[in-house]
Amino acid sequence: MKEIESGSGDLKTRRKLLAGIGILSLFPLWKTGLFGKKKSVISCAPPEVKETMKVLSQDGQLVEVDMSKIKSFQGKISMEDLQKWVKRQ
């Protein structure tokens, strides 16, 4: 009976040893990236910034316009030009 008991202790030790070797054999796979998370790709292009401006349309509504669509912007108009434009309508 003593031989059977010593054999089961040996079997447990072998199983632990084989389990440890099996776990250690997974480290190279983890290192290569099979089990790791994917790395995110960083875009090199700068983010696209859309500049908008609120302008008054000819029918009197306030409209938001993309600045890239406007060819030339000369600045503020004078009060006199605005009054002429309103009277013309």
Protein backbone atom coordinates (compact mmCIF):
# COMPACT_ATOMS: atom_id res chain seq x y z
CA MET A 1 0.00 0.00 0.00
CA LYS A 2 2.83 2.36 0.67
CA GLU A 3 3.99 2.07 -2.95
CA ILE A 4 0.61 3.27 -4.26
CA GLU A 5 0.65 6.30 -1.97
CA SER A 6 4.15 7.29 -3.05
CA GLY A 7 3.15 6.85 -6.70
CA SER A 8 0.19 9.25 -6.37
CA GLY A 9 2.49 11.91 -4.84
CA ASP A 10 4.83 11.51 -7.78
CA LEU A 11 1.90 11.81 -10.17
CA LYS A 12 0.75 15.05 -8.54
CA THR A 13 4.25 16.49 -8.77
CA ARG A 14 4.50 15.57 -12.45
CA ARG A 15 1.11 17.14 -13.17
CA LYS A 16 2.14 20.35 -11.42
CA LEU A 17 5.41 20.36 -13.34
CA LEU A 18 3.69 19.78 -16.68
CA ALA A 19 1.06 22.44 -15.89
CA GLY A 20 3.84 24.92 -15.07
CA ILE A 21 5.69 24.12 -18.30
CA GLY A 22 2.42 24.46 -20.24
CA ILE A 23 1.74 27.90 -18.76
CA LEU A 24 5.32 29.02 -19.40
CA SER A 25 5.04 27.87 -23.02
CA LEU A 26 2.21 30.40 -23.54
CA PHE A 27 4.45 33.40 -22.78
CA PRO A 28 6.09 33.51 -26.25
CA LEU A 29 2.62 33.52 -27.83
CA TRP A 30 1.56 36.35 -25.55
CA LYS A 31 4.74 38.26 -26.36
CA THR A 32 4.10 38.04 -30.12
CA GLY A 33 0.69 39.62 -29.70
CA LEU A 34 -1.73 36.77 -30.18
CA PHE A 35 -3.25 37.30 -26.75
CA GLY A 36 -2.38 40.95 -26.26
CA LYS A 37 -4.60 43.87 -27.10
CA LYS A 38 -4.24 45.59 -30.46
CA LYS A 39 -2.27 48.81 -30.60
CA SER A 40 -4.22 51.81 -31.81
CA VAL A 41 -2.97 53.58 -34.92
CA ILE A 42 -2.37 57.30 -34.53
CA SER A 43 -3.26 59.38 -37.54
CA CYS A 44 -0.54 61.74 -38.71
CA ALA A 45 -2.90 64.16 -40.42
CA PRO A 46 -4.00 67.15 -38.33
CA PRO A 47 -7.67 67.17 -37.36
CA GLU A 48 -9.91 69.04 -39.72
CA VAL A 49 -11.16 72.22 -38.08
CA LYS A 50 -14.18 73.83 -39.67
CA GLU A 51 -14.46 77.51 -38.97
CA THR A 52 -17.94 78.92 -39.29
CA MET A 53 -19.23 82.42 -39.09
CA LYS A 54 -22.75 83.75 -38.64
CA VAL A 55 -23.73 86.14 -41.40
CA LEU A 56 -26.92 87.85 -42.45
CA SER A 57 -28.43 86.60 -45.71
CA GLN A 58 -30.17 88.84 -48.24
CA ASP A 59 -33.61 87.85 -46.99
CA GLY A 60 -32.69 88.88 -43.42
CA GLN A 61 -32.07 85.48 -41.86
CA LEU A 62 -29.03 84.70 -39.73
CA VAL A 63 -27.09 81.88 -41.41
CA GLU A 64 -23.97 79.96 -40.34
CA VAL A 65 -21.49 79.71 -43.24
CA ASP A 66 -18.27 77.69 -43.52
CA MET A 67 -15.35 80.11 -43.90
CA SER A 68 -13.70 77.95 -46.57
CA LYS A 69 -16.68 78.63 -48.86
CA ILE A 70 -16.24 82.41 -48.67
CA LYS A 71 -13.69 83.66 -51.20
CA SER A 72 -12.85 87.02 -49.70
CA PHE A 73 -13.89 88.65 -46.50
CA GLN A 74 -13.07 92.34 -46.36
CA GLY A 75 -14.27 93.14 -42.86
CA LYS A 76 -17.16 95.11 -41.47
CA ILE A 77 -19.25 97.30 -43.72
CA SER A 78 -20.08 100.85 -42.84
CA MET A 79 -23.47 101.86 -41.50
CA GLU A 80 -24.11 103.84 -44.67
CA ASP A 81 -23.53 100.79 -46.91
CA LEU A 82 -25.84 98.73 -44.74
CA GLN A 83 -28.62 101.31 -44.95
CA LYS A 84 -28.28 101.48 -48.75
CA TRP A 85 -28.43 97.69 -48.95
CA VAL A 86 -31.56 97.54 -46.76
CA LYS A 87 -33.32 100.34 -48.74
CA ARG A 88 -32.55 98.58 -52.01
CA GLN A 89 -34.41 95.47 -50.85
